[in-house]
Each structure stands twice: as C-alpha cells, then as structure tokens.
Amino acid sequence: MRITIIGAGRVASSFAPALAASGCSICQVWSRTSVSARQLAALVGAEAISGDFSAVIPDTDLVIVSVKDSVLRDVVDELRVRTHAPIVHTAGSMSGDIADGVLYPLQTFSMERQVDFAHVHFFLEAADKILEQILVGLCGLVTPAENIHLLDSAGRSRLHLAAVFACNFANHCCTLAEQILHSVGVDFDVLLPLVEETAAKLRELPPSVAQTGPAVRGDENIIVSQSTMLDQMCKDGDNTLPADIYRLMSRSIMRVAADSAVRHNH
C-alpha cells in the first residue's frame, strides 16, 4: 500500500516507521517545517514535502493526517482538492466526518521513545465498508486482530476522555509528586517501583478495587494534614492548585468508595 503521511509529530513519527517496517510504502511525508519532514522521511524512505500541499501525490492509496486538532479540519479541506485518495485522521477527540475515516491509536507517544504497536489498540471509523476493510487490514499489519476495534465518533470522544484521565492526568500527578520530592532533595526514581506496581495491579484488578491510600480508607486526619502541608509549601506563591487537586481527588476517591460500598451491600 502506498501511503502519504501528513504531519511529523509524535504520532506520525512512531506510526510511519511501523508501517514502513510492515511492508507499506510511505511515498511522502509532509510537515509544516522542512526539517521535520526531512527527518521523518529519511527514516521511512519517503519524499519530504513542506509548505502548501501542491506537491502531494494525487494518486496514493491512502492519506493519513496526524496534525494538531486545531488545524485538522482546514488541513483535510486543503488536501481534498489535491488528492483522490481516501483521507483519514488519527485524532481521538475529533469527529469522523471531518475526513473519510479515523485511525486512532490509543497510546501515548513521545519523540524520545518508539512505541511497540503490537500492544496498541486501534479504534477505527470509516465512511464506507471498503475503507473500513482497508483500515482493518492496515492496522492488522502492525497489531493483532484483537487490538482492532470499530467505534463511532461519540464513543471515541468518551474513549479519549477516559485516556486523558488514565494517562495525561496520571502523568501530571507524577509531575506534582516530582516537585514535592525535589523540595526535599529526593529523586523521582524512588517512586518508579510504586508507579510500576500500581500499573501492574490494573492487569488483575479493576481500578476501583486496586485503590489504596488515606482517602479510600477514610483517614480524614491524614487528608487534612497533607492538604495543609501543601498549603504551607505553596504559601510563598499564589499556586494553590496542588492543594486544590489533592482535596478534589481525595473527595472523588471517597465518593467512589462510598458508592461501591452501597452497591456491594445491596
């Protein structure tokens, strides 16, 4: 399959090499900047293009658009007058009707790490059955069939919301933890075994069952003490957010635990 990649950011920089390694031909890589386009194109043996879309080949088999959500619609609209190929995007939170389909890899991507797509779940949406079959076949080149799912835009929006909580917010909590440790000269690495065990438990237990800590135990004295500690740590500035987050998270954990207890008793 001959594929044009639009974008050279985190998702494209992981997905394009995986596709190339699976036997797909990456014909072109477009990026807003020529440097980014050249870097990714060199990895996958493609032509690098940048600037406007006048150099996009009109007759490739598929165009995969992986750009910022804020410019996605405009980019797809511009591409429609340049190519005859079906256009799909990789955005989890954007509607499928923006393009001809969606190819959403449910994973966190960083330029510094290469993702193993054999463990990535893909959520697909297509305007017709032919494109749907193409996308299922394409994803099947890089991940097992059980990792490929069909999901409409409304469902994918909720999936993306869940991912924000599980990934982005969890990582931010680690950022706050790093700042707290830095204040006493301790490296964040000491928390890695704890973080890894927390994630490992979720392969065996539902998150609500795996929850530990003062909030799920109802230890109000610890919650008050730790939130006060955060208030004192931030008293020299105007950043009350860590303490606010701590209180809200504790309240949410206690609410979920209480609801779970009610359901169990009934």
C-alpha atoms as a PDB file:
ATOM      1  CA  MET A   1       0.000   0.000   0.000  1.00  0.00           C
ATOM      2  CA  ARG A   2       1.266   3.491  -0.941  1.00  0.00           C
ATOM      3  CA  ILE A   3       0.686   5.972   1.874  1.00  0.00           C
ATOM      4  CA  THR A   4       1.158   9.703   2.286  1.00  0.00           C
ATOM      5  CA  ILE A   5       1.760  10.896   5.837  1.00  0.00           C
ATOM      6  CA  ILE A   6       0.661  14.422   6.719  1.00  0.00           C
ATOM      7  CA  GLY A   7       2.421  15.511   9.883  1.00  0.00           C
ATOM      8  CA  ALA A   8       5.727  14.649  11.515  1.00  0.00           C
ATOM      9  CA  GLY A   9       4.875  14.966  15.189  1.00  0.00           C
ATOM     10  CA  ARG A  10       4.681  12.374  17.933  1.00  0.00           C
ATOM     11  CA  VAL A  11       2.058  10.079  16.424  1.00  0.00           C
ATOM     12  CA  ALA A  12       3.362  10.191  12.850  1.00  0.00           C
ATOM     13  CA  SER A  13       6.979   9.749  13.951  1.00  0.00           C
ATOM     14  CA  SER A  14       6.053   6.469  15.647  1.00  0.00           C
ATOM     15  CA  PHE A  15       3.386   5.167  13.266  1.00  0.00           C
ATOM     16  CA  ALA A  16       5.103   5.855   9.924  1.00  0.00           C
ATOM     17  CA  PRO A  17       8.212   3.760  10.733  1.00  0.00           C
ATOM     18  CA  ALA A  18       5.985   0.921  11.979  1.00  0.00           C
ATOM     19  CA  LEU A  19       4.025   0.972   8.719  1.00  0.00           C
ATOM     20  CA  ALA A  20       7.214   1.072   6.661  1.00  0.00           C
ATOM     21  CA  ALA A  21       8.641  -1.872   8.604  1.00  0.00           C
ATOM     22  CA  SER A  22       5.439  -3.837   7.925  1.00  0.00           C
ATOM     23  CA  GLY A  23       5.921  -3.505   4.160  1.00  0.00           C
ATOM     24  CA  CYS A  24       3.893  -0.395   3.373  1.00  0.00           C
ATOM     25  CA  SER A  25       5.392   2.146   1.010  1.00  0.00           C
ATOM     26  CA  ILE A  26       5.479   5.601   2.568  1.00  0.00           C
ATOM     27  CA  CYS A  27       5.588   7.801  -0.528  1.00  0.00           C
ATOM     28  CA  GLN A  28       5.639  11.235   1.058  1.00  0.00           C
ATOM     29  CA  VAL A  29       5.919  12.874   4.456  1.00  0.00           C
ATOM     30  CA  TRP A  30       4.581  16.402   4.813  1.00  0.00           C
ATOM     31  CA  SER A  31       5.324  18.726   7.690  1.00  0.00           C
ATOM     32  CA  ARG A  32       4.860  22.415   8.272  1.00  0.00           C
ATOM     33  CA  THR A  33       8.640  22.668   8.637  1.00  0.00           C
ATOM     34  CA  SER A  34      11.039  21.175   6.103  1.00  0.00           C
ATOM     35  CA  VAL A  35      13.416  19.963   8.832  1.00  0.00           C
ATOM     36  CA  SER A  36      10.754  17.774  10.469  1.00  0.00           C
ATOM     37  CA  ALA A  37       9.602  16.458   7.091  1.00  0.00           C
ATOM     38  CA  ARG A  38      13.153  15.520   6.082  1.00  0.00           C
ATOM     39  CA  GLN A  39      13.904  13.799   9.380  1.00  0.00           C
ATOM     40  CA  LEU A  40      10.878  11.511   9.275  1.00  0.00           C
ATOM     41  CA  ALA A  41      11.063  10.965   5.508  1.00  0.00           C
ATOM     42  CA  ALA A  42      14.650   9.794   5.860  1.00  0.00           C
ATOM     43  CA  LEU A  43      13.562   7.152   8.379  1.00  0.00           C
ATOM     44  CA  VAL A  44      10.921   5.665   6.091  1.00  0.00           C
ATOM     45  CA  GLY A  45      12.477   6.208   2.664  1.00  0.00           C
ATOM     46  CA  ALA A  46       9.919   8.790   1.567  1.00  0.00           C
ATOM     47  CA  GLU A  47       9.942  12.122  -0.220  1.00  0.00           C
ATOM     48  CA  ALA A  48       9.862  15.080   2.165  1.00  0.00           C
ATOM     49  CA  ILE A  49       7.482  17.931   1.367  1.00  0.00           C
ATOM     50  CA  SER A  50       6.523  21.066   3.305  1.00  0.00           C
ATOM     51  CA  GLY A  51       4.759  24.376   2.892  1.00  0.00           C
ATOM     52  CA  ASP A  52       1.492  24.131   0.974  1.00  0.00           C
ATOM     53  CA  PHE A  53       0.102  20.841  -0.329  1.00  0.00           C
ATOM     54  CA  SER A  54       0.783  21.426  -4.017  1.00  0.00           C
ATOM     55  CA  ALA A  55       3.408  18.658  -4.074  1.00  0.00           C
ATOM     56  CA  VAL A  56       1.123  15.980  -2.624  1.00  0.00           C
ATOM     57  CA  ILE A  57       0.844  12.998  -4.977  1.00  0.00           C
ATOM     58  CA  PRO A  58      -2.799  12.760  -6.075  1.00  0.00           C
ATOM     59  CA  ASP A  59      -2.981   9.002  -6.607  1.00  0.00           C
ATOM     60  CA  THR A  60      -1.611   7.339  -3.460  1.00  0.00           C
ATOM     61  CA  ASP A  61      -3.749   4.644  -1.835  1.00  0.00           C
ATOM     62  CA  LEU A  62      -4.278   6.432   1.487  1.00  0.00           C
ATOM     63  CA  VAL A  63      -3.529   9.761   3.158  1.00  0.00           C
ATOM     64  CA  ILE A  64      -3.057   9.664   6.933  1.00  0.00           C
ATOM     65  CA  VAL A  65      -3.347  13.062   8.612  1.00  0.00           C
ATOM     66  CA  SER A  66      -1.748  13.461  12.022  1.00  0.00           C
ATOM     67  CA  VAL A  67      -1.715  17.153  12.893  1.00  0.00           C
ATOM     68  CA  LYS A  68      -2.950  19.342  15.746  1.00  0.00           C
ATOM     69  CA  ASP A  69      -6.692  19.160  16.346  1.00  0.00           C
ATOM     70  CA  SER A  70      -6.981  22.923  15.939  1.00  0.00           C
ATOM     71  CA  VAL A  71      -5.876  22.792  12.274  1.00  0.00           C
ATOM     72  CA  LEU A  72      -7.158  19.337  11.330  1.00  0.00           C
ATOM     73  CA  ARG A  73     -10.315  20.410   9.511  1.00  0.00           C
ATOM     74  CA  ASP A  74      -8.503  23.051   7.445  1.00  0.00           C
ATOM     75  CA  VAL A  75      -5.726  20.614   6.502  1.00  0.00           C
ATOM     76  CA  VAL A  76      -8.205  17.953   5.359  1.00  0.00           C
ATOM     77  CA  ASP A  77     -10.163  20.521   3.338  1.00  0.00           C
ATOM     78  CA  GLU A  78      -6.980  21.599   1.560  1.00  0.00           C
ATOM     79  CA  LEU A  79      -5.985  18.013   0.850  1.00  0.00           C
ATOM     80  CA  ARG A  80      -9.330  17.138  -0.722  1.00  0.00           C
ATOM     81  CA  VAL A  81      -8.523  19.309  -3.751  1.00  0.00           C
ATOM     82  CA  ARG A  82      -5.033  17.784  -4.058  1.00  0.00           C
ATOM     83  CA  THR A  83      -5.621  14.042  -3.879  1.00  0.00           C
ATOM     84  CA  HIS A  84      -8.071  11.376  -4.998  1.00  0.00           C
ATOM     85  CA  ALA A  85      -7.082   9.035  -2.159  1.00  0.00           C
ATOM     86  CA  PRO A  86      -9.214   8.479   0.939  1.00  0.00           C
ATOM     87  CA  ILE A  87      -8.143  10.711   3.817  1.00  0.00           C
ATOM     88  CA  VAL A  88      -8.166   9.536   7.435  1.00  0.00           C
ATOM     89  CA  HIS A  89      -7.054  11.268  10.609  1.00  0.00           C
ATOM     90  CA  THR A  90      -5.571   9.927  13.854  1.00  0.00           C
ATOM     91  CA  ALA A  91      -7.269  12.256  16.360  1.00  0.00           C
ATOM     92  CA  GLY A  92      -9.137  10.638  19.209  1.00  0.00           C
ATOM     93  CA  SER A  93     -11.337  13.591  20.068  1.00  0.00           C
ATOM     94  CA  MET A  94     -12.240  14.861  16.585  1.00  0.00           C
ATOM     95  CA  SER A  95     -15.299  13.791  14.593  1.00  0.00           C
ATOM     96  CA  GLY A  96     -15.026  11.180  11.883  1.00  0.00           C
ATOM     97  CA  ASP A  97     -16.943  13.264   9.365  1.00  0.00           C
ATOM     98  CA  ILE A  98     -14.029  15.693   9.101  1.00  0.00           C
ATOM     99  CA  ALA A  99     -12.328  13.163   6.830  1.00  0.00           C
ATOM    100  CA  ASP A 100     -13.227   9.856   5.192  1.00  0.00           C
ATOM    101  CA  GLY A 101     -12.317   7.924   8.278  1.00  0.00           C
ATOM    102  CA  VAL A 102     -10.436   7.704  11.550  1.00  0.00           C
ATOM    103  CA  LEU A 103      -7.456   5.583  12.542  1.00  0.00           C
ATOM    104  CA  TYR A 104      -6.941   6.306  16.242  1.00  0.00           C
ATOM    105  CA  PRO A 105      -4.085   4.535  18.061  1.00  0.00           C
ATOM    106  CA  LEU A 106      -4.850   4.521  21.785  1.00  0.00           C
ATOM    107  CA  GLN A 107      -1.389   5.210  23.131  1.00  0.00           C
ATOM    108  CA  THR A 108       0.808   7.989  24.458  1.00  0.00           C
ATOM    109  CA  PHE A 109       3.577   9.000  22.062  1.00  0.00           C
ATOM    110  CA  SER A 110       6.866  10.801  22.641  1.00  0.00           C
ATOM    111  CA  MET A 111       9.595  11.740  20.206  1.00  0.00           C
ATOM    112  CA  GLU A 112      12.150  10.168  22.554  1.00  0.00           C
ATOM    113  CA  ARG A 113      10.603   6.670  22.535  1.00  0.00           C
ATOM    114  CA  GLN A 114       9.467   4.238  19.858  1.00  0.00           C
ATOM    115  CA  VAL A 115       6.163   2.527  20.634  1.00  0.00           C
ATOM    116  CA  ASP A 116       5.682  -1.223  20.171  1.00  0.00           C
ATOM    117  CA  PHE A 117       2.474  -1.255  18.132  1.00  0.00           C
ATOM    118  CA  ALA A 118       1.912  -4.948  18.807  1.00  0.00           C
ATOM    119  CA  HIS A 119       0.429  -3.793  22.136  1.00  0.00           C
ATOM    120  CA  VAL A 120      -1.522  -0.801  20.816  1.00  0.00           C
ATOM    121  CA  HIS A 121      -5.303  -0.849  20.403  1.00  0.00           C
ATOM    122  CA  PHE A 122      -6.672   0.896  17.306  1.00  0.00           C
ATOM    123  CA  PHE A 123     -10.149   2.395  17.079  1.00  0.00           C
ATOM    124  CA  LEU A 124     -11.440   2.822  13.555  1.00  0.00           C
ATOM    125  CA  GLU A 125     -14.263   4.637  11.813  1.00  0.00           C
ATOM    126  CA  ALA A 126     -14.866   4.722   8.064  1.00  0.00           C
ATOM    127  CA  ALA A 127     -17.302   6.341   5.660  1.00  0.00           C
ATOM    128  CA  ASP A 128     -17.877   3.030   3.851  1.00  0.00           C
ATOM    129  CA  LYS A 129     -17.183  -0.683   4.167  1.00  0.00           C
ATOM    130  CA  ILE A 130     -14.400  -0.655   1.589  1.00  0.00           C
ATOM    131  CA  LEU A 131     -12.369   1.894   3.533  1.00  0.00           C
ATOM    132  CA  GLU A 132     -13.205   0.097   6.762  1.00  0.00           C
ATOM    133  CA  GLN A 133     -11.688  -3.096   5.361  1.00  0.00           C
ATOM    134  CA  ILE A 134      -8.617  -1.178   4.188  1.00  0.00           C
ATOM    135  CA  LEU A 135      -8.069   0.309   7.647  1.00  0.00           C
ATOM    136  CA  VAL A 136      -8.601  -3.009   9.416  1.00  0.00           C
ATOM    137  CA  GLY A 137      -6.097  -4.643   7.071  1.00  0.00           C
ATOM    138  CA  LEU A 138      -3.591  -1.828   7.531  1.00  0.00           C
ATOM    139  CA  CYS A 139      -3.748  -1.963  11.319  1.00  0.00           C
ATOM    140  CA  GLY A 140      -3.504  -5.739  11.129  1.00  0.00           C
ATOM    141  CA  LEU A 141      -0.012  -5.335   9.732  1.00  0.00           C
ATOM    142  CA  VAL A 142       1.249  -3.831  12.989  1.00  0.00           C
ATOM    143  CA  THR A 143      -1.003  -5.233  15.754  1.00  0.00           C
ATOM    144  CA  PRO A 144      -3.036  -8.410  16.421  1.00  0.00           C
ATOM    145  CA  ALA A 145      -6.645  -8.547  15.229  1.00  0.00           C
ATOM    146  CA  GLU A 146      -7.979  -8.465  18.803  1.00  0.00           C
ATOM    147  CA  ASN A 147      -6.487  -4.983  19.188  1.00  0.00           C
ATOM    148  CA  ILE A 148      -8.547  -3.553  16.301  1.00  0.00           C
ATOM    149  CA  HIS A 149     -11.959  -2.086  17.136  1.00  0.00           C
ATOM    150  CA  LEU A 150     -14.726  -0.221  15.329  1.00  0.00           C
ATOM    151  CA  LEU A 151     -16.089   2.761  17.241  1.00  0.00           C
ATOM    152  CA  ASP A 152     -18.119   5.787  16.179  1.00  0.00           C
ATOM    153  CA  SER A 153     -17.215   9.400  16.919  1.00  0.00           C
ATOM    154  CA  ALA A 154     -19.384   9.687  20.036  1.00  0.00           C
ATOM    155  CA  GLY A 155     -17.855   6.581  21.562  1.00  0.00           C
ATOM    156  CA  ARG A 156     -14.339   7.603  20.587  1.00  0.00           C
ATOM    157  CA  SER A 157     -14.808  11.009  22.247  1.00  0.00           C
ATOM    158  CA  ARG A 158     -15.562   9.263  25.536  1.00  0.00           C
ATOM    159  CA  LEU A 159     -12.671   6.884  24.979  1.00  0.00           C
ATOM    160  CA  HIS A 160     -10.344   9.853  24.534  1.00  0.00           C
ATOM    161  CA  LEU A 161     -11.748  11.455  27.694  1.00  0.00           C
ATOM    162  CA  ALA A 162     -11.024   8.261  29.601  1.00  0.00           C
ATOM    163  CA  ALA A 163      -7.482   8.272  28.193  1.00  0.00           C
ATOM    164  CA  VAL A 164      -6.956  11.845  29.410  1.00  0.00           C
ATOM    165  CA  PHE A 165      -7.757  10.729  32.952  1.00  0.00           C
ATOM    166  CA  ALA A 166      -5.756   7.496  32.802  1.00  0.00           C
ATOM    167  CA  CYS A 167      -2.694   8.909  31.048  1.00  0.00           C
ATOM    168  CA  ASN A 168      -2.429  12.698  30.937  1.00  0.00           C
ATOM    169  CA  PHE A 169      -3.817  13.408  34.404  1.00  0.00           C
ATOM    170  CA  ALA A 170      -1.932  10.485  35.941  1.00  0.00           C
ATOM    171  CA  ASN A 171       1.307  11.786  34.426  1.00  0.00           C
ATOM    172  CA  HIS A 172       0.577  15.275  35.768  1.00  0.00           C
ATOM    173  CA  CYS A 173       0.136  13.795  39.233  1.00  0.00           C
ATOM    174  CA  CYS A 174       3.618  12.316  38.820  1.00  0.00           C
ATOM    175  CA  THR A 175       4.868  15.797  37.858  1.00  0.00           C
ATOM    176  CA  LEU A 176       3.430  17.201  41.098  1.00  0.00           C
ATOM    177  CA  ALA A 177       4.996  14.311  43.018  1.00  0.00           C
ATOM    178  CA  GLU A 178       8.354  15.101  41.394  1.00  0.00           C
ATOM    179  CA  GLN A 179       8.087  18.716  42.554  1.00  0.00           C
ATOM    180  CA  ILE A 180       7.309  17.647  46.124  1.00  0.00           C
ATOM    181  CA  LEU A 181      10.283  15.265  46.170  1.00  0.00           C
ATOM    182  CA  HIS A 182      12.545  17.932  44.701  1.00  0.00           C
ATOM    183  CA  SER A 183      11.769  20.155  47.703  1.00  0.00           C
ATOM    184  CA  VAL A 184      13.469  17.602  49.983  1.00  0.00           C
ATOM    185  CA  GLY A 185      16.251  16.591  47.582  1.00  0.00           C
ATOM    186  CA  VAL A 186      14.867  13.170  46.649  1.00  0.00           C
ATOM    187  CA  ASP A 187      14.894  11.902  43.044  1.00  0.00           C
ATOM    188  CA  PHE A 188      11.645  10.866  41.386  1.00  0.00           C
ATOM    189  CA  ASP A 189      13.168   7.463  40.582  1.00  0.00           C
ATOM    190  CA  VAL A 190      12.346   6.280  44.115  1.00  0.00           C
ATOM    191  CA  LEU A 191       8.662   6.320  43.113  1.00  0.00           C
ATOM    192  CA  LEU A 192       9.093   4.236  39.956  1.00  0.00           C
ATOM    193  CA  PRO A 193       8.631   0.834  41.677  1.00  0.00           C
ATOM    194  CA  LEU A 194       5.430   2.195  43.227  1.00  0.00           C
ATOM    195  CA  VAL A 195       4.160   3.556  39.910  1.00  0.00           C
ATOM    196  CA  GLU A 196       5.041   0.307  38.125  1.00  0.00           C
ATOM    197  CA  GLU A 197       3.248  -1.833  40.724  1.00  0.00           C
ATOM    198  CA  THR A 198       0.213   0.453  40.524  1.00  0.00           C
ATOM    199  CA  ALA A 199       0.034  -0.127  36.771  1.00  0.00           C
ATOM    200  CA  ALA A 200       0.748  -3.860  37.094  1.00  0.00           C
ATOM    201  CA  LYS A 201      -2.149  -4.343  39.522  1.00  0.00           C
ATOM    202  CA  LEU A 202      -4.561  -2.974  36.941  1.00  0.00           C
ATOM    203  CA  ARG A 203      -3.946  -6.050  34.780  1.00  0.00           C
ATOM    204  CA  GLU A 204      -5.527  -8.139  37.530  1.00  0.00           C
ATOM    205  CA  LEU A 205      -7.895  -5.820  39.401  1.00  0.00           C
ATOM    206  CA  PRO A 206     -10.448  -3.156  38.467  1.00  0.00           C
ATOM    207  CA  PRO A 207      -9.096   0.333  39.306  1.00  0.00           C
ATOM    208  CA  SER A 208     -11.740   0.866  41.993  1.00  0.00           C
ATOM    209  CA  VAL A 209     -10.647  -2.354  43.739  1.00  0.00           C
ATOM    210  CA  ALA A 210      -6.932  -1.608  43.371  1.00  0.00           C
ATOM    211  CA  GLN A 211      -7.301   1.848  45.001  1.00  0.00           C
ATOM    212  CA  THR A 212      -5.253   2.354  48.163  1.00  0.00           C
ATOM    213  CA  GLY A 213      -4.309   5.357  50.305  1.00  0.00           C
ATOM    214  CA  PRO A 214      -5.795   7.572  53.005  1.00  0.00           C
ATOM    215  CA  ALA A 215      -8.864   8.675  51.021  1.00  0.00           C
ATOM    216  CA  VAL A 216     -10.187   5.180  50.294  1.00  0.00           C
ATOM    217  CA  ARG A 217      -9.606   4.301  53.973  1.00  0.00           C
ATOM    218  CA  GLY A 218     -11.413   7.439  55.110  1.00  0.00           C
ATOM    219  CA  ASP A 219      -8.397   8.706  57.075  1.00  0.00           C
ATOM    220  CA  GLU A 220      -9.609  12.283  57.466  1.00  0.00           C
ATOM    221  CA  ASN A 221      -6.753  13.213  59.794  1.00  0.00           C
ATOM    222  CA  ILE A 222      -4.154  12.315  57.149  1.00  0.00           C
ATOM    223  CA  ILE A 223      -6.084  14.091  54.402  1.00  0.00           C
ATOM    224  CA  VAL A 224      -6.305  17.284  56.466  1.00  0.00           C
ATOM    225  CA  SER A 225      -2.628  17.050  57.434  1.00  0.00           C
ATOM    226  CA  GLN A 226      -1.396  16.510  53.864  1.00  0.00           C
ATOM    227  CA  SER A 227      -3.610  19.193  52.317  1.00  0.00           C
ATOM    228  CA  THR A 228      -2.397  21.635  54.992  1.00  0.00           C
ATOM    229  CA  MET A 229       1.186  20.651  54.159  1.00  0.00           C
ATOM    230  CA  LEU A 230       0.545  21.525  50.521  1.00  0.00           C
ATOM    231  CA  ASP A 231      -0.954  24.864  51.551  1.00  0.00           C
ATOM    232  CA  GLN A 232       2.191  25.647  53.541  1.00  0.00           C
ATOM    233  CA  MET A 233       4.502  24.572  50.708  1.00  0.00           C
ATOM    234  CA  CYS A 234       2.755  27.000  48.366  1.00  0.00           C
ATOM    235  CA  LYS A 235       2.299  29.871  50.823  1.00  0.00           C
ATOM    236  CA  ASP A 236       5.147  31.879  49.304  1.00  0.00           C
ATOM    237  CA  GLY A 237       3.416  31.894  45.915  1.00  0.00           C
ATOM    238  CA  ASP A 238      -0.094  32.081  44.544  1.00  0.00           C
ATOM    239  CA  ASN A 239      -0.258  28.478  43.275  1.00  0.00           C
ATOM    240  CA  THR A 240      -2.988  26.805  45.301  1.00  0.00           C
ATOM    241  CA  LEU A 241      -3.654  24.237  42.580  1.00  0.00           C
ATOM    242  CA  PRO A 242      -1.707  21.291  44.111  1.00  0.00           C
ATOM    243  CA  ALA A 243      -3.694  21.559  47.343  1.00  0.00           C
ATOM    244  CA  ASP A 244      -6.935  22.017  45.418  1.00  0.00           C
ATOM    245  CA  ILE A 245      -6.166  18.956  43.287  1.00  0.00           C
ATOM    246  CA  TYR A 246      -5.336  16.938  46.408  1.00  0.00           C
ATOM    247  CA  ARG A 247      -8.628  17.832  48.086  1.00  0.00           C
ATOM    248  CA  LEU A 248     -10.724  17.210  44.966  1.00  0.00           C
ATOM    249  CA  MET A 249      -9.012  13.891  44.234  1.00  0.00           C
ATOM    250  CA  SER A 250      -9.484  12.760  47.834  1.00  0.00           C
ATOM    251  CA  ARG A 251     -13.165  13.697  47.743  1.00  0.00           C
ATOM    252  CA  SER A 252     -13.613  11.841  44.454  1.00  0.00           C
ATOM    253  CA  ILE A 253     -11.891   8.703  45.787  1.00  0.00           C
ATOM    254  CA  MET A 254     -14.043   8.772  48.911  1.00  0.00           C
ATOM    255  CA  ARG A 255     -17.196   9.201  46.810  1.00  0.00           C
ATOM    256  CA  VAL A 256     -16.335   6.263  44.540  1.00  0.00           C
ATOM    257  CA  ALA A 257     -15.525   4.100  47.581  1.00  0.00           C
ATOM    258  CA  ALA A 258     -18.826   5.013  49.232  1.00  0.00           C
ATOM    259  CA  ASP A 259     -20.826   4.297  46.063  1.00  0.00           C
ATOM    260  CA  SER A 260     -19.031   0.957  45.713  1.00  0.00           C
ATOM    261  CA  ALA A 261     -19.863   0.035  49.299  1.00  0.00           C
ATOM    262  CA  VAL A 262     -23.546   0.841  48.743  1.00  0.00           C
ATOM    263  CA  ARG A 263     -23.667  -1.342  45.628  1.00  0.00           C
ATOM    264  CA  HIS A 264     -21.901  -4.169  47.454  1.00  0.00           C
ATOM    265  CA  ASN A 265     -24.329  -4.038  50.366  1.00  0.00           C
ATOM    266  CA  HIS A 266     -27.271  -4.248  48.012  1.00  0.00           C
END
